[in-house]
N, C-alpha and C. Protein backbone atom coordinates (compact mmCIF):
# COMPACT_ATOMS: atom_id res chain seq x y z
N UNK A 1 46.97 -22.77 16.14
CA UNK A 1 45.61 -23.37 16.25
C UNK A 1 45.31 -21.56 16.10
N UNK A 2 46.05 -20.66 15.72
CA UNK A 2 45.54 -19.02 15.49
C UNK A 2 45.20 -19.69 13.48
N UNK A 3 45.55 -20.39 13.11
CA UNK A 3 45.19 -20.81 11.45
C UNK A 3 43.65 -21.32 11.66
N UNK A 4 43.43 -22.13 12.31
CA UNK A 4 42.27 -23.01 12.69
C UNK A 4 41.19 -21.80 12.58
N UNK A 5 41.70 -21.00 13.93
CA UNK A 5 40.64 -20.30 14.12
C UNK A 5 39.95 -19.09 12.64
N UNK A 6 40.85 -18.73 11.87
CA UNK A 6 41.17 -17.69 10.62
C UNK A 6 40.30 -18.79 9.69
N UNK A 7 40.58 -20.16 9.58
CA UNK A 7 39.93 -21.22 8.30
C UNK A 7 38.57 -21.48 8.56
N UNK A 8 38.26 -21.53 10.06
CA UNK A 8 36.89 -21.48 10.45
C UNK A 8 35.94 -20.38 10.15
N UNK A 9 36.22 -19.03 10.43
CA UNK A 9 35.93 -17.78 10.67
C UNK A 9 35.83 -17.61 8.98
N UNK A 10 36.56 -18.14 8.34
CA UNK A 10 36.41 -18.26 6.03
C UNK A 10 35.21 -18.86 6.31
N UNK A 11 35.51 -19.95 6.57
CA UNK A 11 34.53 -21.12 6.35
C UNK A 11 32.94 -20.26 6.90
N UNK A 12 32.81 -19.76 8.01
CA UNK A 12 31.57 -19.36 8.36
C UNK A 12 31.00 -18.05 7.56
N UNK A 13 32.10 -16.96 7.05
CA UNK A 13 31.47 -16.33 6.13
C UNK A 13 31.21 -16.47 4.91
N UNK A 14 31.76 -17.57 4.40
CA UNK A 14 31.67 -18.38 3.05
C UNK A 14 29.71 -18.94 3.01
N UNK A 15 29.45 -19.28 4.42
CA UNK A 15 28.31 -20.27 4.41
C UNK A 15 27.40 -19.06 4.69
N UNK A 16 27.34 -17.67 4.92
CA UNK A 16 26.40 -16.39 4.87
C UNK A 16 26.44 -15.86 3.90
N UNK A 17 27.47 -15.63 3.02
CA UNK A 17 27.38 -15.01 1.74
C UNK A 17 26.62 -15.92 0.95
N UNK A 18 26.88 -17.42 0.91
CA UNK A 18 26.31 -18.59 0.37
C UNK A 18 24.85 -18.10 -0.57
N UNK A 19 24.10 -18.09 0.26
CA UNK A 19 22.22 -17.66 -0.31
C UNK A 19 22.57 -16.48 -1.19
N UNK A 20 23.65 -15.03 -0.86
CA UNK A 20 22.98 -14.26 -1.74
C UNK A 20 23.46 -14.49 -3.02
N UNK A 21 24.99 -15.75 -3.18
CA UNK A 21 25.84 -16.11 -4.13
C UNK A 21 24.73 -16.99 -5.37
N UNK A 22 23.73 -17.34 -4.34
CA UNK A 22 22.82 -18.26 -5.23
C UNK A 22 21.82 -17.43 -6.53
N UNK A 23 21.89 -16.41 -6.38
CA UNK A 23 20.58 -15.63 -6.96
C UNK A 23 21.41 -15.40 -8.47
N UNK A 24 20.20 -15.22 -9.31
CA UNK A 24 20.29 -15.77 -10.94
C UNK A 24 19.57 -14.36 -11.50
N UNK A 25 19.96 -13.87 -12.56
CA UNK A 25 19.78 -13.46 -13.28
C UNK A 25 19.70 -13.66 -14.64
N UNK A 26 18.53 -14.30 -15.32
CA UNK A 26 18.82 -15.21 -16.60
C UNK A 26 17.64 -14.51 -17.41
N UNK A 27 17.49 -15.04 -18.69
CA UNK A 27 17.03 -14.02 -19.34
C UNK A 27 15.34 -14.17 -19.37
N UNK A 28 14.91 -13.07 -20.61
CA UNK A 28 13.29 -13.35 -20.25
C UNK A 28 12.84 -14.73 -19.98
N UNK A 29 11.55 -14.31 -19.66
CA UNK A 29 10.56 -15.55 -19.50
C UNK A 29 9.26 -15.49 -19.96
N UNK A 30 8.38 -16.07 -20.65
CA UNK A 30 6.95 -16.01 -20.64
C UNK A 30 5.97 -16.14 -19.21
N UNK A 31 5.25 -15.04 -19.22
CA UNK A 31 4.18 -14.92 -18.14
C UNK A 31 2.96 -15.45 -18.95
N UNK A 32 2.91 -14.96 -20.48
CA UNK A 32 1.85 -15.34 -21.16
C UNK A 32 1.81 -15.98 -22.64
N UNK A 33 1.25 -16.96 -22.73
CA UNK A 33 1.54 -17.38 -24.29
C UNK A 33 0.39 -17.34 -25.38
N UNK A 34 0.60 -16.92 -26.11
CA UNK A 34 -0.48 -17.08 -27.32
C UNK A 34 -1.81 -17.25 -26.40
N UNK A 35 -2.08 -16.00 -25.89
CA UNK A 35 -3.73 -15.74 -25.92
C UNK A 35 -4.40 -15.10 -26.66
N UNK A 36 -5.18 -15.46 -27.28
CA UNK A 36 -6.45 -14.94 -28.05
C UNK A 36 -6.92 -13.65 -27.22
N UNK A 37 -6.73 -12.06 -27.62
CA UNK A 37 -7.47 -11.37 -27.42
C UNK A 37 -8.04 -10.37 -28.57
N UNK A 38 -9.14 -10.59 -28.67
CA UNK A 38 -9.98 -10.04 -29.99
C UNK A 38 -9.02 -10.26 -30.86
N UNK A 39 -8.68 -9.53 -32.07
CA UNK A 39 -8.51 -9.66 -33.18
C UNK A 39 -6.63 -10.39 -33.13
N UNK A 40 -6.47 -10.04 -32.17
CA UNK A 40 -4.84 -10.53 -32.03
C UNK A 40 -4.81 -11.72 -31.40
N UNK A 41 -3.18 -12.28 -31.35
CA UNK A 41 -2.58 -13.36 -30.35
C UNK A 41 -1.34 -12.41 -29.52
N UNK A 42 -1.65 -12.41 -28.40
CA UNK A 42 -0.37 -12.10 -27.53
C UNK A 42 0.26 -12.78 -26.54
N UNK A 43 1.38 -12.66 -26.62
CA UNK A 43 1.87 -13.20 -25.87
C UNK A 43 3.36 -11.73 -24.89
N UNK A 44 3.41 -12.17 -23.56
CA UNK A 44 4.49 -11.35 -23.38
C UNK A 44 5.20 -12.16 -22.06
N UNK A 45 6.84 -11.71 -23.04
CA UNK A 45 7.32 -12.20 -21.57
C UNK A 45 8.75 -11.21 -20.79
N UNK A 46 9.21 -11.18 -20.28
CA UNK A 46 9.53 -10.58 -19.08
C UNK A 46 10.73 -10.47 -18.55
N UNK A 47 11.61 -10.02 -17.92
CA UNK A 47 12.70 -9.93 -17.09
C UNK A 47 12.20 -9.10 -15.79
N UNK A 48 11.48 -8.93 -14.96
CA UNK A 48 11.23 -8.29 -14.04
C UNK A 48 11.99 -7.57 -12.92
N UNK A 49 12.82 -6.92 -13.27
CA UNK A 49 14.05 -6.55 -12.15
C UNK A 49 13.41 -5.29 -11.63
N UNK A 50 13.48 -5.33 -10.11
CA UNK A 50 13.00 -3.91 -9.99
C UNK A 50 14.58 -3.18 -9.39
N UNK A 51 13.86 -1.78 -9.22
CA UNK A 51 15.18 -1.02 -8.90
C UNK A 51 14.50 0.11 -7.71
N UNK A 52 15.82 0.77 -6.90
CA UNK A 52 15.08 1.59 -5.94
C UNK A 52 16.07 2.92 -6.85
N UNK A 53 16.69 3.30 -7.68
CA UNK A 53 17.07 4.19 -8.11
C UNK A 53 16.01 4.88 -8.85
N UNK A 54 14.76 4.49 -9.62
CA UNK A 54 13.83 4.96 -10.58
C UNK A 54 14.14 4.89 -11.77
N UNK A 55 15.04 4.04 -12.17
CA UNK A 55 15.30 3.86 -13.52
C UNK A 55 14.61 2.30 -13.85
N UNK A 56 13.90 2.46 -15.30
CA UNK A 56 12.97 1.46 -15.74
C UNK A 56 13.60 0.37 -15.93
N UNK A 57 13.58 -0.61 -14.75
CA UNK A 57 14.00 -2.11 -14.98
C UNK A 57 13.21 -3.62 -15.00
N UNK A 58 12.27 -2.94 -15.07
CA UNK A 58 10.98 -4.00 -15.20
C UNK A 58 10.98 -3.82 -17.22
N UNK A 59 11.37 -5.24 -17.65
CA UNK A 59 11.44 -5.36 -18.87
C UNK A 59 10.27 -6.30 -19.41
N UNK A 60 9.71 -6.02 -20.35
CA UNK A 60 8.31 -6.50 -21.07
C UNK A 60 8.55 -6.51 -22.50
N UNK A 61 8.82 -7.99 -23.11
CA UNK A 61 8.17 -8.11 -24.59
C UNK A 61 7.12 -8.43 -24.92
N UNK A 62 6.64 -7.79 -26.10
CA UNK A 62 4.89 -8.08 -26.28
C UNK A 62 5.41 -8.54 -27.61
N UNK A 63 4.56 -9.98 -27.83
CA UNK A 63 4.33 -10.44 -29.02
C UNK A 63 3.16 -10.26 -29.16
N UNK A 64 2.73 -9.44 -31.04
CA UNK A 64 1.41 -9.30 -30.94
C UNK A 64 1.54 -10.09 -32.19
N UNK A 65 0.68 -11.23 -32.82
CA UNK A 65 0.37 -11.94 -34.33
C UNK A 65 -1.12 -11.53 -34.78
N UNK A 66 -1.81 -12.02 -35.66
CA UNK A 66 -3.19 -12.46 -35.49
C UNK A 66 -3.59 -13.77 -35.43
N UNK A 67 -4.63 -13.75 -35.19
CA UNK A 67 -5.03 -15.40 -35.39
C UNK A 67 -4.38 -16.20 -36.29
N UNK A 68 -4.62 -15.59 -37.31
CA UNK A 68 -4.33 -16.73 -38.92
C UNK A 68 -2.58 -16.88 -38.19
N UNK A 69 -1.95 -16.26 -37.94
CA UNK A 69 -0.47 -16.23 -37.45
C UNK A 69 0.15 -14.85 -38.25
N UNK A 70 -0.76 -14.74 -38.89
CA UNK A 70 0.08 -12.74 -39.73
C UNK A 70 0.21 -12.12 -38.66
N UNK A 71 0.89 -10.96 -39.39
CA UNK A 71 1.59 -9.84 -38.92
C UNK A 71 0.38 -9.06 -38.57
N UNK A 72 0.72 -8.13 -37.83
CA UNK A 72 -0.59 -7.14 -37.08
C UNK A 72 -0.36 -5.68 -38.55
N UNK A 73 -1.12 -5.09 -38.42
CA UNK A 73 -0.80 -3.77 -39.66
C UNK A 73 -0.31 -2.83 -38.81
N UNK A 74 0.12 -2.03 -40.19
CA UNK A 74 0.93 -0.92 -38.82
C UNK A 74 0.06 -0.37 -38.29
N UNK A 75 1.06 0.11 -37.47
CA UNK A 75 0.22 1.22 -36.37
C UNK A 75 -0.73 0.06 -35.49
N UNK A 76 -0.66 -0.98 -35.29
CA UNK A 76 -0.30 -1.23 -33.83
C UNK A 76 0.25 -1.60 -33.04
N UNK A 77 0.20 -1.05 -32.04
CA UNK A 77 1.08 -0.73 -30.66
C UNK A 77 0.39 -0.94 -29.92
N UNK A 78 0.67 -1.49 -28.47
CA UNK A 78 1.19 -1.98 -27.13
C UNK A 78 1.23 -0.85 -25.92
N UNK A 79 0.49 -1.12 -25.35
CA UNK A 79 0.85 -0.34 -24.09
C UNK A 79 1.17 -1.16 -22.73
N UNK A 80 1.74 -1.29 -21.64
CA UNK A 80 2.33 -2.23 -20.99
C UNK A 80 2.41 -1.05 -19.64
N UNK A 81 1.10 -1.76 -18.74
CA UNK A 81 1.04 -1.17 -17.74
C UNK A 81 0.77 -2.31 -16.41
N UNK A 82 1.62 -2.22 -15.38
CA UNK A 82 2.10 -2.53 -14.05
C UNK A 82 1.50 -1.96 -12.96
N UNK A 83 0.80 -2.84 -12.03
CA UNK A 83 0.29 -2.36 -10.77
C UNK A 83 0.99 -3.13 -9.79
N UNK A 84 1.24 -2.67 -8.51
CA UNK A 84 1.60 -3.80 -7.66
C UNK A 84 0.47 -4.68 -6.89
N UNK A 85 0.70 -5.68 -6.50
CA UNK A 85 -0.79 -6.50 -6.14
C UNK A 85 -0.85 -6.74 -4.59
N UNK A 86 0.58 -6.48 -3.98
CA UNK A 86 0.56 -6.67 -2.77
C UNK A 86 1.14 -5.64 -1.59
N UNK A 87 0.77 -4.58 -2.04
CA UNK A 87 0.53 -3.38 -1.40
C UNK A 87 -0.01 -2.19 -2.02
N UNK A 88 -0.30 -1.42 -1.57
CA UNK A 88 -1.11 0.05 -2.42
C UNK A 88 0.24 0.71 -3.00
N UNK A 89 -0.42 1.13 -4.23
CA UNK A 89 0.57 1.77 -5.10
C UNK A 89 -0.12 2.20 -6.49
N UNK A 90 0.47 2.91 -7.12
CA UNK A 90 -0.16 3.91 -8.22
C UNK A 90 0.51 2.57 -9.64
N UNK A 91 -0.53 2.41 -10.24
CA UNK A 91 -0.04 1.92 -11.55
C UNK A 91 1.65 2.56 -12.40
N UNK A 92 2.01 2.00 -13.51
CA UNK A 92 2.57 2.61 -14.28
C UNK A 92 2.52 1.94 -15.84
N UNK A 93 3.02 3.10 -16.62
CA UNK A 93 2.29 2.17 -18.04
C UNK A 93 3.80 2.71 -18.89
N UNK A 94 3.88 2.14 -20.10
CA UNK A 94 4.98 2.53 -21.10
C UNK A 94 4.61 1.58 -22.36
N UNK A 95 4.62 2.84 -23.16
CA UNK A 95 4.33 2.66 -24.52
C UNK A 95 5.43 1.44 -25.49
N UNK A 96 5.17 0.50 -25.58
CA UNK A 96 5.97 -0.45 -26.36
C UNK A 96 6.31 0.15 -27.87
N UNK A 97 7.17 -0.01 -28.17
CA UNK A 97 7.64 0.35 -29.26
C UNK A 97 8.51 -1.05 -30.14
N UNK A 98 8.42 -0.70 -31.39
CA UNK A 98 8.79 -2.09 -32.15
C UNK A 98 10.52 -2.22 -32.07
N UNK A 99 10.91 -3.49 -31.55
CA UNK A 99 12.02 -3.89 -31.96
C UNK A 99 12.83 -4.04 -33.52
N UNK A 100 13.62 -3.44 -33.81
CA UNK A 100 14.03 -3.32 -35.05
C UNK A 100 13.03 -2.94 -36.15
N UNK A 101 12.44 -2.18 -35.68
CA UNK A 101 11.19 -2.26 -37.01
C UNK A 101 9.59 -3.28 -36.73
N UNK A 102 9.97 -3.96 -35.89
CA UNK A 102 9.58 -5.36 -36.13
C UNK A 102 7.92 -5.39 -35.38
N UNK A 103 6.99 -4.94 -36.05
CA UNK A 103 5.56 -4.55 -35.35
C UNK A 103 5.29 -5.90 -34.11
N UNK A 104 5.23 -7.00 -34.91
CA UNK A 104 4.82 -8.45 -34.12
C UNK A 104 5.90 -8.72 -32.91
N UNK A 105 6.87 -7.98 -32.07
CA UNK A 105 7.46 -7.44 -31.39
C UNK A 105 7.79 -6.25 -30.73
N UNK A 106 7.42 -5.94 -29.55
CA UNK A 106 7.58 -4.52 -29.35
C UNK A 106 8.03 -4.67 -27.59
N UNK A 107 8.72 -3.26 -27.28
CA UNK A 107 9.29 -3.92 -26.16
C UNK A 107 9.13 -2.33 -25.50
N UNK A 108 8.95 -2.77 -24.14
CA UNK A 108 8.46 -1.67 -23.25
C UNK A 108 9.28 -1.74 -22.10
N UNK A 109 9.69 -0.88 -21.40
CA UNK A 109 10.55 -0.69 -20.05
C UNK A 109 9.63 -0.15 -18.98
N UNK A 110 9.03 -0.45 -17.55
CA UNK A 110 8.66 -0.09 -16.54
C UNK A 110 9.47 0.26 -15.16
N UNK A 111 9.38 1.10 -14.37
CA UNK A 111 9.78 1.42 -12.95
C UNK A 111 9.05 0.45 -12.27
N UNK A 112 9.36 -0.77 -11.69
CA UNK A 112 9.10 -1.90 -10.62
C UNK A 112 9.75 -1.55 -9.11
N UNK A 113 9.35 -0.20 -8.57
CA UNK A 113 9.64 0.25 -7.23
C UNK A 113 9.91 -0.98 -5.80
N UNK A 114 9.78 -2.12 -6.07
CA UNK A 114 10.21 -2.71 -4.72
C UNK A 114 9.59 -4.42 -5.50
N UNK A 115 10.17 -5.07 -4.06
CA UNK A 115 10.23 -6.87 -4.50
C UNK A 115 8.66 -6.86 -4.36
N UNK A 116 8.39 -7.47 -5.32
CA UNK A 116 6.72 -8.77 -4.85
C UNK A 116 6.01 -8.66 -5.93
N UNK A 117 4.58 -9.14 -6.09
CA UNK A 117 3.54 -9.34 -7.00
C UNK A 117 3.28 -8.20 -7.53
N UNK A 118 3.49 -8.34 -9.41
CA UNK A 118 2.46 -6.92 -10.02
C UNK A 118 1.85 -7.65 -10.97
N UNK A 119 0.56 -7.00 -10.98
CA UNK A 119 -0.33 -6.96 -11.68
C UNK A 119 0.17 -6.30 -13.48
N UNK A 120 0.15 -7.38 -14.69
CA UNK A 120 0.45 -6.71 -15.96
C UNK A 120 -0.45 -7.20 -16.89
N UNK A 121 -0.52 -5.67 -17.28
CA UNK A 121 -1.77 -5.36 -18.39
C UNK A 121 -1.25 -4.90 -19.54
N UNK A 122 -1.56 -5.87 -20.72
CA UNK A 122 -1.08 -5.23 -22.17
C UNK A 122 -2.22 -5.07 -22.89
N UNK A 123 -2.11 -3.63 -23.31
CA UNK A 123 -3.51 -3.22 -23.95
C UNK A 123 -2.67 -2.83 -25.58
N UNK A 124 -3.67 -3.25 -26.48
CA UNK A 124 -3.13 -3.75 -28.01
C UNK A 124 -4.44 -2.43 -28.85
N UNK A 125 -3.52 -1.59 -29.47
CA UNK A 125 -4.71 -0.94 -30.39
C UNK A 125 -4.18 -0.68 -31.64
N UNK A 126 -4.50 -1.18 -32.52
CA UNK A 126 -4.57 -0.93 -33.62
C UNK A 126 -5.88 -0.71 -34.70
N UNK A 127 -5.36 -0.92 -36.55
CA UNK A 127 -6.43 -0.67 -36.93
C UNK A 127 -7.65 -1.47 -37.21
N UNK A 128 -7.24 -2.82 -36.60
CA UNK A 128 -8.61 -3.93 -36.29
C UNK A 128 -9.09 -4.01 -34.96
N UNK A 129 -8.86 -2.94 -34.14
CA UNK A 129 -9.64 -2.53 -32.81
C UNK A 129 -8.39 -2.73 -31.73
N UNK A 130 -9.51 -2.63 -30.93
CA UNK A 130 -8.77 -2.53 -29.35
C UNK A 130 -8.98 -4.33 -29.01
N UNK A 131 -7.55 -4.73 -28.07
CA UNK A 131 -7.61 -5.88 -27.05
C UNK A 131 -7.03 -5.63 -25.73
N UNK A 132 -6.71 -6.75 -24.93
CA UNK A 132 -6.20 -6.41 -24.04
C UNK A 132 -6.07 -7.92 -23.35
N UNK A 133 -5.11 -8.30 -22.64
CA UNK A 133 -4.50 -9.37 -22.12
C UNK A 133 -3.55 -8.94 -20.41
N UNK A 134 -4.18 -9.72 -19.35
CA UNK A 134 -3.08 -9.53 -18.35
C UNK A 134 -2.65 -10.95 -17.42
N UNK A 135 -1.60 -10.91 -17.03
CA UNK A 135 -0.90 -11.57 -16.26
C UNK A 135 0.10 -11.06 -15.28
N UNK A 136 0.37 -11.95 -14.24
CA UNK A 136 0.96 -11.36 -12.85
C UNK A 136 2.30 -12.18 -12.95
N UNK A 137 3.53 -11.28 -12.54
CA UNK A 137 4.84 -11.70 -12.22
C UNK A 137 5.37 -10.84 -10.79
N UNK A 138 6.57 -11.77 -10.05
CA UNK A 138 7.06 -11.57 -9.12
C UNK A 138 8.48 -10.96 -9.72
N UNK A 139 8.63 -9.32 -9.06
CA UNK A 139 9.70 -8.93 -9.44
C UNK A 139 10.25 -8.99 -8.42
N UNK A 140 11.98 -8.96 -8.94
CA UNK A 140 12.91 -9.25 -7.82
C UNK A 140 14.07 -8.39 -8.24
N UNK A 141 14.91 -7.99 -7.43
CA UNK A 141 16.32 -7.04 -7.55
C UNK A 141 17.20 -7.62 -8.41
N UNK A 142 17.44 -6.97 -9.28
CA UNK A 142 19.09 -8.12 -10.09
C UNK A 142 19.95 -7.85 -9.30
N UNK A 143 20.41 -9.01 -9.00
CA UNK A 143 21.03 -9.84 -8.04
C UNK A 143 22.84 -9.88 -7.92
N UNK A 144 22.88 -9.14 -9.71
CA UNK A 144 24.11 -9.95 -9.50
C UNK A 144 25.14 -8.68 -9.16
N UNK A 145 26.09 -8.92 -8.22
CA UNK A 145 26.95 -8.00 -7.34
C UNK A 145 27.65 -7.15 -8.30
N UNK A 146 27.96 -6.31 -7.49
CA UNK A 146 28.64 -4.51 -8.19
C UNK A 146 29.80 -5.59 -8.21
N UNK A 147 31.10 -4.94 -9.54
CA UNK A 147 32.46 -5.44 -9.93
C UNK A 147 33.07 -5.23 -8.49
N UNK A 148 32.83 -4.27 -7.88
CA UNK A 148 33.71 -4.00 -6.52
C UNK A 148 33.29 -4.80 -5.54
N UNK A 149 32.27 -5.34 -5.38
CA UNK A 149 32.03 -7.01 -4.66
C UNK A 149 32.85 -8.31 -5.04
N UNK A 150 32.89 -8.13 -5.97
CA UNK A 150 34.01 -9.36 -6.80
C UNK A 150 35.45 -9.52 -5.61
N UNK A 151 35.51 -8.56 -5.49
CA UNK A 151 36.94 -8.60 -4.50
C UNK A 151 36.71 -9.10 -2.98
N UNK A 152 35.16 -8.53 -2.68
CA UNK A 152 35.21 -8.78 -1.13
C UNK A 152 35.04 -10.45 -1.29
N UNK A 153 34.17 -10.91 -2.13
CA UNK A 153 33.56 -12.19 -2.15
C UNK A 153 34.47 -13.28 -2.27
N UNK A 154 35.94 -12.82 -3.18
CA UNK A 154 37.07 -13.65 -3.83
C UNK A 154 38.19 -13.35 -2.16
N UNK A 155 38.22 -12.81 -0.74
CA UNK A 155 38.84 -12.66 -0.28
C UNK A 155 39.15 -13.35 1.03
N UNK A 156 37.77 -14.24 1.32
CA UNK A 156 38.45 -15.25 2.11
C UNK A 156 38.64 -16.87 1.37
N UNK A 157 38.34 -16.56 -0.04
CA UNK A 157 38.91 -17.86 -0.97
C UNK A 157 40.63 -17.19 -1.06
N UNK A 158 41.04 -16.06 -0.89
CA UNK A 158 42.02 -15.96 -1.03
C UNK A 158 43.00 -16.58 0.43
N UNK A 159 42.17 -16.35 1.21
CA UNK A 159 42.75 -16.22 3.20
C UNK A 159 42.81 -17.76 3.16
N UNK A 160 41.82 -18.63 2.55
CA UNK A 160 42.34 -19.92 2.80
C UNK A 160 43.11 -20.58 1.71
N UNK A 161 43.34 -20.24 0.80
CA UNK A 161 44.35 -20.43 -0.24
C UNK A 161 45.79 -20.13 0.50
N UNK A 162 46.10 -18.72 1.04
CA UNK A 162 47.07 -18.58 1.62
C UNK A 162 47.46 -19.74 2.55
N UNK A 163 46.49 -19.72 3.92
CA UNK A 163 47.17 -20.17 4.85
C UNK A 163 47.12 -21.73 4.40
N UNK A 164 46.79 -22.50 3.62
CA UNK A 164 46.77 -23.40 2.61
C UNK A 164 48.15 -23.94 2.50
N UNK A 165 48.48 -22.57 1.70
CA UNK A 165 49.74 -22.88 0.81
C UNK A 165 51.34 -22.73 2.31
N UNK A 166 51.00 -21.95 3.23
CA UNK A 166 51.54 -21.62 4.50
C UNK A 166 51.89 -23.13 5.57
N UNK A 167 50.55 -23.55 5.21
CA UNK A 167 50.76 -24.74 6.10
C UNK A 167 51.60 -25.94 5.12
N UNK A 168 51.20 -25.96 4.07
CA UNK A 168 52.17 -26.85 3.07
C UNK A 168 53.59 -26.36 3.28
N UNK A 169 54.18 -25.34 3.22
CA UNK A 169 55.16 -24.75 3.30
C UNK A 169 56.07 -25.39 4.71
N UNK A 170 54.91 -25.13 5.80
CA UNK A 170 55.37 -25.78 7.23
C UNK A 170 55.57 -27.12 7.10
N UNK A 171 55.03 -27.75 6.74
CA UNK A 171 55.15 -29.25 6.60
C UNK A 171 56.28 -29.80 5.75
N UNK A 172 56.70 -29.04 4.63
CA UNK A 172 57.79 -29.06 3.99
C UNK A 172 59.30 -29.15 4.51
N UNK A 173 59.15 -28.15 5.49
CA UNK A 173 60.61 -27.89 6.26
C UNK A 173 60.24 -28.43 7.52
């Protein structure tokens, strides 16, 4: 009877942990694609993670092209500004920098201090003029468990395996 209670307890613990294990932190995804803004065509890709420690977890990649598909001239820069939409809070801005020297692909990281909806505004400034594009995004915590928690998640499976092995040994004798 004691083994049955242990197995039932492990099963209940597994069911309680299951929703947290379904979280996924995937690759960046587009929130705005090929938006014409002034002389530029702007796309925004993001991995909007929120953090409690003040680190810039909200990552944004800004793709800037000219309407004819060409690259913008040197000196074209983007500024990413995010502001909470679901509660009062200050907006946070970061200047994007070219990825590997490529003006058409720029990266900025900002602090997103809570889960929820944020408005995203990208301002592009360069020799051809100024432009802006806006979108919204839902920020979430990066839900990958810490390495130490892996042990906690594996304990129920180890217990079930040990109990199952014990049961098989008992049946064999």
